[in-house]
N, C-alpha and C. Protein backbone atom coordinates (compact mmCIF):
# COMPACT_ATOMS: atom_id res chain seq x y z
N MET A 1 -90.72 56.82 -155.99
CA MET A 1 -90.34 57.74 -154.95
C MET A 1 -90.19 56.99 -153.63
N ALA A 2 -89.14 57.25 -152.88
CA ALA A 2 -88.88 56.55 -151.63
C ALA A 2 -89.79 57.08 -150.53
N PRO A 3 -90.24 56.21 -149.62
CA PRO A 3 -91.09 56.68 -148.53
C PRO A 3 -90.32 57.60 -147.59
N GLN A 4 -91.01 58.64 -147.12
CA GLN A 4 -90.35 59.59 -146.23
C GLN A 4 -90.38 59.07 -144.80
N LYS A 5 -89.34 59.37 -144.09
CA LYS A 5 -89.24 58.96 -142.69
C LYS A 5 -90.20 59.81 -141.85
N ALA A 6 -90.90 59.18 -140.92
CA ALA A 6 -91.83 59.90 -140.07
C ALA A 6 -91.06 60.91 -139.20
N ARG A 7 -91.61 62.10 -139.10
CA ARG A 7 -90.96 63.14 -138.30
C ARG A 7 -91.22 62.87 -136.82
N LEU A 8 -90.17 62.87 -136.05
CA LEU A 8 -90.28 62.60 -134.62
C LEU A 8 -90.65 63.88 -133.88
N ARG A 9 -91.59 63.77 -132.97
CA ARG A 9 -92.10 64.94 -132.27
C ARG A 9 -91.07 65.59 -131.36
N TYR A 10 -90.26 64.78 -130.71
CA TYR A 10 -89.30 65.32 -129.74
C TYR A 10 -87.86 65.13 -130.18
N HIS A 11 -87.60 65.12 -131.48
CA HIS A 11 -86.24 64.99 -131.98
C HIS A 11 -85.42 66.15 -131.43
N CYS A 12 -84.24 65.85 -130.95
CA CYS A 12 -83.42 66.89 -130.36
C CYS A 12 -81.95 66.67 -130.72
N VAL A 13 -81.16 67.66 -130.38
CA VAL A 13 -79.72 67.59 -130.61
C VAL A 13 -79.00 67.98 -129.33
N GLU A 14 -77.79 67.50 -129.25
CA GLU A 14 -76.88 67.85 -128.16
C GLU A 14 -75.65 68.44 -128.84
N ILE A 15 -75.15 69.54 -128.33
CA ILE A 15 -73.97 70.16 -128.93
C ILE A 15 -72.73 69.55 -128.29
N ILE A 16 -71.88 68.98 -129.15
CA ILE A 16 -70.63 68.36 -128.71
C ILE A 16 -69.49 69.32 -129.05
N ALA A 17 -68.81 69.78 -128.01
CA ALA A 17 -67.71 70.72 -128.21
C ALA A 17 -66.53 69.99 -128.83
N GLY A 18 -65.88 70.65 -129.76
CA GLY A 18 -64.69 70.09 -130.39
C GLY A 18 -63.51 70.18 -129.44
N PRO A 19 -62.33 69.72 -129.89
CA PRO A 19 -61.13 69.81 -129.04
C PRO A 19 -60.85 71.27 -128.69
N GLY A 20 -60.67 71.53 -127.42
CA GLY A 20 -60.45 72.91 -126.98
C GLY A 20 -61.69 73.76 -127.21
N GLY A 21 -62.86 73.17 -126.99
CA GLY A 21 -64.12 73.85 -127.25
C GLY A 21 -64.27 75.14 -126.48
N CYS A 22 -65.05 76.04 -127.05
CA CYS A 22 -65.24 77.34 -126.43
C CYS A 22 -66.12 77.23 -125.20
N LYS A 23 -66.14 78.28 -124.42
CA LYS A 23 -66.89 78.32 -123.17
C LYS A 23 -68.39 78.14 -123.44
N ALA A 24 -68.90 78.71 -124.51
CA ALA A 24 -70.33 78.62 -124.83
C ALA A 24 -70.75 77.18 -125.10
N ALA A 25 -69.93 76.42 -125.80
CA ALA A 25 -70.25 75.02 -126.11
C ALA A 25 -70.12 74.15 -124.87
N VAL A 26 -69.15 74.42 -124.03
CA VAL A 26 -68.95 73.64 -122.81
C VAL A 26 -70.13 73.84 -121.85
N GLU A 27 -70.70 75.05 -121.81
CA GLU A 27 -71.84 75.33 -120.96
C GLU A 27 -73.08 74.53 -121.39
N LEU A 28 -73.17 74.17 -122.66
CA LEU A 28 -74.30 73.41 -123.17
C LEU A 28 -74.05 71.91 -123.14
N LYS A 29 -72.99 71.49 -122.47
CA LYS A 29 -72.62 70.07 -122.41
C LYS A 29 -73.75 69.25 -121.78
N GLN A 30 -74.08 68.14 -122.42
CA GLN A 30 -75.11 67.19 -121.98
C GLN A 30 -76.48 67.84 -121.80
N GLN A 31 -76.76 68.87 -122.59
CA GLN A 31 -78.08 69.50 -122.56
C GLN A 31 -78.73 69.24 -123.91
N ARG A 32 -79.91 68.64 -123.88
CA ARG A 32 -80.61 68.33 -125.12
C ARG A 32 -81.55 69.46 -125.48
N LEU A 33 -81.48 69.88 -126.73
CA LEU A 33 -82.30 70.98 -127.24
C LEU A 33 -83.16 70.47 -128.38
N LEU A 34 -84.43 70.86 -128.39
CA LEU A 34 -85.28 70.46 -129.50
C LEU A 34 -84.66 70.97 -130.80
N SER A 35 -84.73 70.17 -131.83
CA SER A 35 -84.07 70.50 -133.09
C SER A 35 -84.52 71.84 -133.66
N ALA A 36 -85.80 72.11 -133.56
CA ALA A 36 -86.33 73.35 -134.13
C ALA A 36 -85.78 74.58 -133.42
N GLY A 37 -85.41 74.46 -132.15
CA GLY A 37 -84.93 75.60 -131.39
C GLY A 37 -83.44 75.60 -131.12
N ALA A 38 -82.72 74.66 -131.70
CA ALA A 38 -81.28 74.56 -131.45
C ALA A 38 -80.55 75.69 -132.17
N PRO A 39 -79.52 76.26 -131.53
CA PRO A 39 -78.75 77.33 -132.18
C PRO A 39 -77.89 76.78 -133.30
N LEU A 40 -77.61 77.64 -134.25
CA LEU A 40 -76.74 77.26 -135.37
C LEU A 40 -75.29 77.23 -134.89
N LEU A 41 -74.50 76.42 -135.56
CA LEU A 41 -73.08 76.33 -135.26
C LEU A 41 -72.29 77.10 -136.30
N PRO A 42 -71.25 77.78 -135.97
CA PRO A 42 -70.72 78.02 -134.63
C PRO A 42 -71.69 78.88 -133.83
N LEU A 43 -71.67 78.70 -132.51
CA LEU A 43 -72.54 79.44 -131.62
C LEU A 43 -72.25 80.94 -131.71
N ALA A 44 -73.25 81.75 -131.44
CA ALA A 44 -73.10 83.20 -131.55
C ALA A 44 -72.04 83.74 -130.61
N THR A 45 -71.86 83.10 -129.47
CA THR A 45 -70.87 83.57 -128.49
C THR A 45 -69.58 82.76 -128.52
N CYS A 46 -69.33 82.08 -129.62
CA CYS A 46 -68.12 81.26 -129.76
C CYS A 46 -66.87 82.14 -129.76
N ASP A 47 -65.84 81.69 -129.04
CA ASP A 47 -64.58 82.44 -128.96
C ASP A 47 -63.80 82.40 -130.27
N THR A 48 -63.85 81.26 -130.95
CA THR A 48 -63.08 81.08 -132.19
C THR A 48 -63.99 80.51 -133.29
N PRO A 49 -64.90 81.32 -133.84
CA PRO A 49 -65.84 80.81 -134.84
C PRO A 49 -65.17 80.36 -136.14
N GLU A 50 -64.01 80.90 -136.46
CA GLU A 50 -63.35 80.53 -137.72
C GLU A 50 -62.78 79.12 -137.70
N LYS A 51 -62.47 78.59 -136.52
CA LYS A 51 -61.95 77.22 -136.46
C LYS A 51 -62.76 76.34 -135.50
N CYS A 52 -64.04 76.61 -135.44
CA CYS A 52 -64.94 75.86 -134.56
C CYS A 52 -65.12 74.43 -135.07
N GLU A 53 -64.99 73.45 -134.18
CA GLU A 53 -65.17 72.05 -134.54
C GLU A 53 -66.33 71.42 -133.77
N CYS A 54 -67.21 72.24 -133.25
CA CYS A 54 -68.39 71.73 -132.54
C CYS A 54 -69.32 71.05 -133.54
N ARG A 55 -70.11 70.09 -133.03
CA ARG A 55 -71.04 69.36 -133.91
C ARG A 55 -72.28 68.99 -133.11
N TYR A 56 -73.28 68.52 -133.83
CA TYR A 56 -74.52 68.08 -133.21
C TYR A 56 -74.50 66.56 -133.03
N ARG A 57 -75.08 66.08 -131.93
CA ARG A 57 -75.37 64.66 -131.75
C ARG A 57 -76.89 64.56 -131.71
N HIS A 58 -77.45 63.76 -132.61
CA HIS A 58 -78.90 63.67 -132.75
C HIS A 58 -79.48 62.59 -131.82
N HIS A 59 -80.67 62.88 -131.28
CA HIS A 59 -81.39 61.96 -130.41
C HIS A 59 -82.86 61.95 -130.85
N ASP A 60 -83.52 60.80 -130.72
CA ASP A 60 -84.93 60.70 -131.08
C ASP A 60 -85.83 61.36 -130.06
N ASP A 61 -85.37 61.51 -128.84
CA ASP A 61 -86.20 62.05 -127.78
C ASP A 61 -85.35 62.97 -126.91
N ARG A 62 -85.91 64.07 -126.47
CA ARG A 62 -85.13 65.01 -125.66
C ARG A 62 -84.93 64.53 -124.24
N ARG A 63 -85.73 63.56 -123.81
CA ARG A 63 -85.61 63.04 -122.45
C ARG A 63 -84.59 61.92 -122.44
N ALA A 64 -83.65 61.99 -121.55
CA ALA A 64 -82.59 60.98 -121.49
C ALA A 64 -82.89 59.97 -120.39
N GLY A 65 -82.80 58.71 -120.71
CA GLY A 65 -82.93 57.66 -119.72
C GLY A 65 -84.34 57.46 -119.21
N PRO A 66 -84.52 56.51 -118.33
CA PRO A 66 -85.84 56.25 -117.77
C PRO A 66 -86.29 57.42 -116.89
N ARG A 67 -87.57 57.75 -116.95
CA ARG A 67 -88.08 58.89 -116.21
C ARG A 67 -88.90 58.49 -115.00
N ARG A 68 -89.43 57.30 -115.00
CA ARG A 68 -90.29 56.88 -113.91
C ARG A 68 -89.62 55.74 -113.14
N ALA A 69 -89.96 55.64 -111.88
CA ALA A 69 -89.37 54.61 -111.04
C ALA A 69 -89.70 53.22 -111.58
N ALA A 70 -90.90 53.06 -112.14
CA ALA A 70 -91.29 51.76 -112.68
C ALA A 70 -90.42 51.37 -113.87
N GLU A 71 -89.94 52.36 -114.64
CA GLU A 71 -89.07 52.08 -115.78
C GLU A 71 -87.68 51.66 -115.31
N VAL A 72 -87.30 52.09 -114.13
CA VAL A 72 -85.99 51.73 -113.58
C VAL A 72 -86.05 50.35 -112.94
N GLY A 73 -87.26 49.93 -112.52
CA GLY A 73 -87.41 48.62 -111.91
C GLY A 73 -87.79 48.68 -110.44
N LYS A 74 -88.04 49.88 -109.95
CA LYS A 74 -88.43 50.03 -108.55
C LYS A 74 -89.93 49.86 -108.42
N ASN A 75 -90.35 49.26 -107.32
CA ASN A 75 -91.77 49.12 -107.03
C ASN A 75 -92.13 50.20 -106.03
N VAL A 76 -92.60 51.33 -106.54
CA VAL A 76 -92.82 52.49 -105.70
C VAL A 76 -94.13 52.39 -104.93
N ARG A 77 -95.14 51.78 -105.53
CA ARG A 77 -96.44 51.70 -104.89
C ARG A 77 -96.86 50.24 -104.73
N PRO A 78 -96.39 49.56 -103.71
CA PRO A 78 -96.70 48.15 -103.55
C PRO A 78 -98.17 47.90 -103.24
N TRP A 79 -98.91 48.89 -102.75
CA TRP A 79 -100.31 48.67 -102.42
C TRP A 79 -101.16 48.45 -103.67
N HIS A 80 -100.66 48.74 -104.84
CA HIS A 80 -101.40 48.50 -106.07
C HIS A 80 -101.44 47.02 -106.43
N GLU A 81 -100.61 46.22 -105.81
CA GLU A 81 -100.53 44.81 -106.15
C GLU A 81 -101.64 43.98 -105.53
N LYS A 82 -102.24 44.46 -104.46
CA LYS A 82 -103.28 43.68 -103.81
C LYS A 82 -104.60 44.44 -103.84
N ASN A 83 -105.65 43.71 -103.79
CA ASN A 83 -106.98 44.29 -103.79
C ASN A 83 -107.32 44.72 -102.36
N ARG A 84 -107.49 46.00 -102.14
CA ARG A 84 -107.72 46.50 -100.80
C ARG A 84 -109.21 46.71 -100.47
N ARG A 85 -110.08 46.37 -101.41
CA ARG A 85 -111.50 46.52 -101.13
C ARG A 85 -111.94 45.50 -100.10
N LYS A 86 -112.68 45.94 -99.11
CA LYS A 86 -113.05 45.06 -98.00
C LYS A 86 -114.40 44.40 -98.20
N GLY A 87 -115.35 45.11 -98.74
CA GLY A 87 -116.70 44.57 -98.82
C GLY A 87 -117.21 44.54 -100.24
N HIS A 88 -118.48 44.26 -100.32
CA HIS A 88 -119.16 44.23 -101.61
C HIS A 88 -119.56 45.64 -102.00
N GLY A 89 -119.97 45.75 -103.23
CA GLY A 89 -120.48 47.01 -103.72
C GLY A 89 -121.92 47.22 -103.29
N ARG A 90 -122.57 48.22 -103.83
CA ARG A 90 -123.94 48.54 -103.44
C ARG A 90 -124.98 47.99 -104.40
N ARG A 91 -124.57 47.34 -105.46
CA ARG A 91 -125.51 46.79 -106.42
C ARG A 91 -126.13 45.51 -105.89
N ASP A 92 -127.34 45.24 -106.35
CA ASP A 92 -128.03 44.01 -105.94
C ASP A 92 -127.26 42.78 -106.39
N SER A 93 -126.62 42.87 -107.57
CA SER A 93 -125.90 41.72 -108.09
C SER A 93 -124.65 41.39 -107.25
N ASP A 94 -124.18 42.33 -106.45
CA ASP A 94 -123.01 42.08 -105.60
C ASP A 94 -123.34 41.18 -104.42
N PHE A 95 -124.62 41.06 -104.07
CA PHE A 95 -125.03 40.28 -102.91
C PHE A 95 -125.55 38.90 -103.28
N GLU A 96 -125.49 38.55 -104.55
CA GLU A 96 -126.00 37.24 -104.99
C GLU A 96 -125.03 36.13 -104.70
């Protein structure tokens, strides 16, 4: 028996409108939806469900791109780089 692929917690889909896509699919453009809650295709409000060419694009995570400044490469808190403590602590071993 082949090993099963681990289920991803935030697996999501993006609805890609087909050529001449309906208004409902265009409104969901570049919006990631968790797989469990994604609507079935054709969408319920589709203008032409009989010739719908919309499809899903799968993503491992619903969050797109870097989310934190540190992931982008910005140094947002430069004071973390230096030790700002001025004196010793209150323990006896600190004064040895």
